[in-house]
Protein backbone atom coordinates (compact mmCIF):
# COMPACT_ATOMS: atom_id res chain seq x y z
CA MET A 1 0.11 0.11 0.15
CA SER A 2 1.24 3.54 -0.69
CA THR A 3 -0.54 6.81 -0.50
CA SER A 4 -1.46 6.49 -4.36
CA ASP A 5 -3.46 3.52 -2.85
CA ILE A 6 -5.34 5.45 -0.07
CA ASP A 7 -7.87 8.32 0.43
CA SER A 8 -7.09 11.84 0.58
CA ASN A 9 -8.14 11.32 4.72
CA PRO A 10 -6.21 8.16 5.28
CA THR A 11 -6.69 6.68 8.79
CA ASP A 12 -3.55 5.61 10.81
CA ARG A 13 -4.20 2.14 9.94
CA GLU A 14 -3.86 3.47 5.91
CA LEU A 15 -0.81 5.59 6.68
CA LEU A 16 1.36 3.24 9.14
CA CYS A 17 0.47 0.37 6.79
CA ALA A 18 1.88 2.59 3.67
CA TRP A 19 5.32 3.82 5.86
CA GLN A 20 5.72 -0.43 6.55
CA THR A 21 6.05 -0.68 2.63
CA GLY A 22 8.33 2.02 2.19
CA ASP A 23 6.42 5.20 1.11
CA ALA A 24 8.46 7.93 2.74
CA GLU A 25 5.43 10.57 2.34
CA ALA A 26 2.96 7.93 4.08
CA GLY A 27 5.84 7.78 6.99
CA ASP A 28 5.77 12.03 6.81
CA ALA A 29 1.94 12.25 7.35
CA TYR A 30 2.09 10.04 10.55
CA VAL A 31 4.68 12.05 12.35
CA GLU A 32 2.88 15.10 11.43
CA ARG A 33 -0.50 14.05 12.39
CA HIS A 34 0.81 12.74 15.58
CA PHE A 35 3.79 15.41 16.55
CA LEU A 36 1.36 17.63 18.70
CA PRO A 37 0.32 15.11 21.07
CA VAL A 38 3.95 13.98 21.52
CA TYR A 39 5.18 17.87 21.81
CA ARG A 40 2.48 18.37 24.36
CA PHE A 41 3.45 15.02 26.43
CA PHE A 42 7.02 16.46 26.97
CA ALA A 43 6.28 19.89 27.05
CA THR A 44 4.12 19.64 30.25
CA LYS A 45 7.16 17.60 31.97
CA CYS A 46 9.85 18.53 30.57
CA PRO A 47 9.40 21.87 28.81
CA ASP A 48 13.42 22.44 28.34
CA ALA A 49 13.40 19.02 27.02
CA ALA A 50 10.83 18.20 25.01
CA ASP A 51 11.56 18.83 21.53
CA ASP A 52 15.02 16.68 22.22
CA LEU A 53 12.65 13.95 23.79
CA THR A 54 9.74 14.59 20.70
CA GLN A 55 12.25 14.42 18.04
CA GLN A 56 13.96 11.18 19.98
CA THR A 57 10.41 9.41 20.24
CA PHE A 58 9.88 9.52 16.41
CA ALA A 59 13.33 8.42 15.77
CA ASP A 60 12.62 5.59 17.76
CA LEU A 61 9.28 5.11 15.83
CA HIS A 62 11.23 5.39 12.71
CA GLY A 63 13.24 2.33 13.70
CA ALA A 64 11.09 0.19 15.15
CA VAL A 65 8.12 1.09 12.43
CA ALA A 66 8.34 -2.18 10.39
CA ASN A 67 8.29 -4.76 13.68
CA ILE A 68 4.61 -3.16 14.39
CA ARG A 69 1.98 -6.21 14.41
CA ASP A 70 -1.39 -3.89 14.97
CA PRO A 71 -1.18 -1.14 12.75
CA GLY A 72 -4.11 -0.23 14.09
CA ARG A 73 -2.99 0.64 17.50
CA GLY A 74 -0.36 2.65 15.85
CA ARG A 75 -1.13 6.04 17.97
CA ALA A 76 -0.61 3.61 21.26
CA TYR A 77 2.97 2.77 20.54
CA VAL A 78 4.09 6.08 19.44
CA MET A 79 2.52 6.94 22.61
CA ARG A 80 4.45 4.27 24.68
CA ILE A 81 7.28 5.21 23.53
CA ALA A 82 7.05 8.70 23.99
CA ARG A 83 6.62 7.63 27.71
CA ASN A 84 9.36 5.16 27.87
CA ARG A 85 11.72 8.25 26.24
CA LEU A 86 10.55 10.60 29.51
CA TYR A 87 11.60 7.96 31.67
CA MET A 88 15.10 7.41 30.28
CA HIS A 89 15.32 11.11 30.50
CA LEU A 90 14.32 11.43 34.05
CA ARG A 91 16.10 8.70 35.27
CA SER A 92 19.10 10.17 34.29
CA ARG A 93 18.33 13.78 36.08
CA ALA A 94 17.33 11.80 39.29
CA SER A 95 19.63 12.18 42.12
CA GLU A 96 22.35 10.26 42.53
CA GLY A 97 21.71 7.09 44.39
CA ARG A 98 17.89 7.39 44.34
CA VAL A 99 15.91 4.85 42.41
CA PHE A 100 13.39 6.27 40.02
CA ASP A 101 9.85 5.37 40.35
CA PRO A 102 7.32 7.16 38.54
CA ARG A 103 4.90 5.47 40.48
CA VAL A 104 5.36 7.74 43.44
CA MET A 105 7.73 10.23 42.33
CA SER A 106 6.55 13.83 40.61
CA ILE A 107 7.58 15.71 38.03
CA SER A 108 9.03 18.33 40.58
CA ALA A 109 10.79 15.53 42.60
CA VAL A 110 12.87 14.81 39.58
CA ASP A 111 13.28 18.22 38.04
CA ASP A 112 13.42 21.64 39.37
CA GLY A 113 10.44 23.54 39.20
CA PRO A 114 7.52 24.67 40.80
CA THR A 115 7.38 23.29 43.71
CA ALA A 116 3.40 22.01 45.43
CA GLY A 117 2.85 24.67 47.52
CA THR A 118 2.94 27.10 44.64
CA VAL A 119 -0.12 25.36 43.07
CA LEU A 120 -1.78 26.99 46.37
CA ALA A 121 -1.24 30.63 45.36
CA GLY A 122 -3.24 32.51 42.92
CA GLN A 123 -6.59 31.69 40.66
CA MET A 124 -6.77 28.29 38.77
CA ASP A 125 -5.30 28.88 35.41
CA VAL A 126 -3.18 26.88 33.29
CA ARG A 127 0.11 27.75 34.82
CA ALA A 128 -1.38 26.83 38.11
CA LEU A 129 -2.83 23.54 36.60
CA LEU A 130 0.36 22.41 35.40
CA GLN A 131 2.24 23.28 38.42
CA ALA A 132 -0.17 21.17 40.18
CA MET A 133 -0.22 18.01 37.23
CA ARG A 134 3.64 18.51 38.39
CA ALA A 135 3.21 17.63 41.68
CA ILE A 136 1.60 14.55 41.35
CA PRO A 137 3.19 10.75 40.93
CA ILE A 138 4.59 10.81 37.01
CA ASP A 139 2.53 8.26 36.45
CA ALA A 140 -0.35 9.96 37.14
CA GLN A 141 0.13 12.86 35.42
CA ILE A 142 0.60 10.71 32.60
CA LEU A 143 -2.50 8.78 33.32
CA LEU A 144 -4.55 12.30 33.66
CA GLU A 145 -3.35 13.62 30.33
CA LEU A 146 -3.72 10.58 27.78
CA PHE A 147 -7.08 10.65 29.32
CA TYR A 148 -8.77 14.12 29.68
CA TRP A 149 -6.20 16.36 27.28
CA GLU A 150 -5.68 13.50 24.47
CA GLU A 151 -8.96 11.92 24.88
CA LEU A 152 -7.27 8.46 24.19
CA PRO A 153 -9.82 5.41 25.09
CA VAL A 154 -9.40 3.28 27.77
CA ARG A 155 -8.15 0.65 26.03
CA GLU A 156 -5.51 2.27 24.50
CA ILE A 157 -3.99 4.07 27.84
CA ALA A 158 -3.88 0.72 28.77
CA SER A 159 -1.82 -0.51 25.80
CA ILE A 160 0.56 2.26 26.40
CA LEU A 161 0.96 1.85 30.18
CA GLU A 162 0.87 -1.76 29.70
CA VAL A 163 -1.40 -2.48 32.28
CA PRO A 164 -5.27 -4.15 32.39
CA ARG A 165 -7.89 -1.99 31.25
CA GLY A 166 -9.40 -1.81 34.91
CA THR A 167 -6.31 -1.38 36.51
CA VAL A 168 -6.43 2.31 34.10
CA MET A 169 -9.82 3.08 35.61
CA SER A 170 -8.76 2.41 39.59
CA ARG A 171 -5.32 4.40 38.93
CA LEU A 172 -7.53 7.46 37.28
CA SER A 173 -9.66 7.57 40.22
CA ARG A 174 -6.96 7.77 42.85
CA ALA A 175 -5.05 10.25 40.30
CA ARG A 176 -8.13 12.38 39.87
CA ASP A 177 -8.43 13.07 43.87
CA ARG A 178 -5.06 13.41 44.24
CA LEU A 179 -4.99 15.95 41.74
CA ALA A 180 -8.26 17.43 43.72
CA LYS A 181 -6.36 17.65 46.78
CA LEU A 182 -3.60 20.35 45.27
CA ILE A 183 -6.13 22.56 43.55
CA GLY A 184 -8.99 22.49 45.92
CA SER A 185 -11.67 21.77 43.48
CA ASP A 186 -13.48 18.92 41.22
CA ALA A 187 -10.11 17.47 38.69
CA ALA A 188 -12.19 15.67 36.30
CA ALA A 189 -13.52 19.21 35.92
CA VAL A 190 -10.83 21.02 35.65
CA LEU A 191 -8.82 18.86 33.42
CA SER A 192 -11.94 18.57 30.96
CA SER A 193 -12.49 22.55 30.27
CA PRO A 194 -11.26 23.41 27.20
CA SER A 195 -9.54 26.57 28.10
CA LEU A 196 -6.87 24.42 30.35
CA SER A 197 -5.76 22.29 28.04
CA PRO A 198 -2.42 22.80 27.06
CA ALA A 199 -2.06 24.12 23.68
């Protein structure tokens, strides 16, 4: 399959299948389609490294594209690569002798940035929300972003995080509770507000 065999609005599956057969244009189109979500994924956690990490993610994808067995789940595959890249980056920045654990460590614990105390100051806006997100465990932050901002279905999130669907739902509930304690309001409502989704 090549770009000449697919319509003007190809699905992810069609683009990925074409890319797997050597169609570079399909590969470019696929990367362009997923560039913003991947960049946003890094920008909310490591803004100073977002450009490099995004490039590394798509370089990893390019090297592995031929081995993707289910092209229909390509988006989950891309985000899983991004998650792995993030963990590698944060692991390299963790304090010497400290074990990196994204289930309990927050971005602010690994990376120099705003503390949880600054979250409570001032009116709730995008910046304050992002600061609050940086103060909860990294796994919880990723889960909330994938569910609310990227609007991925639970089955795709389960594939990205490599856990059962039921685990996604229970972790999502705990993540909302953690965030609500920081921002003092309904975390789900805040996250789903269009004006608070990062560009």
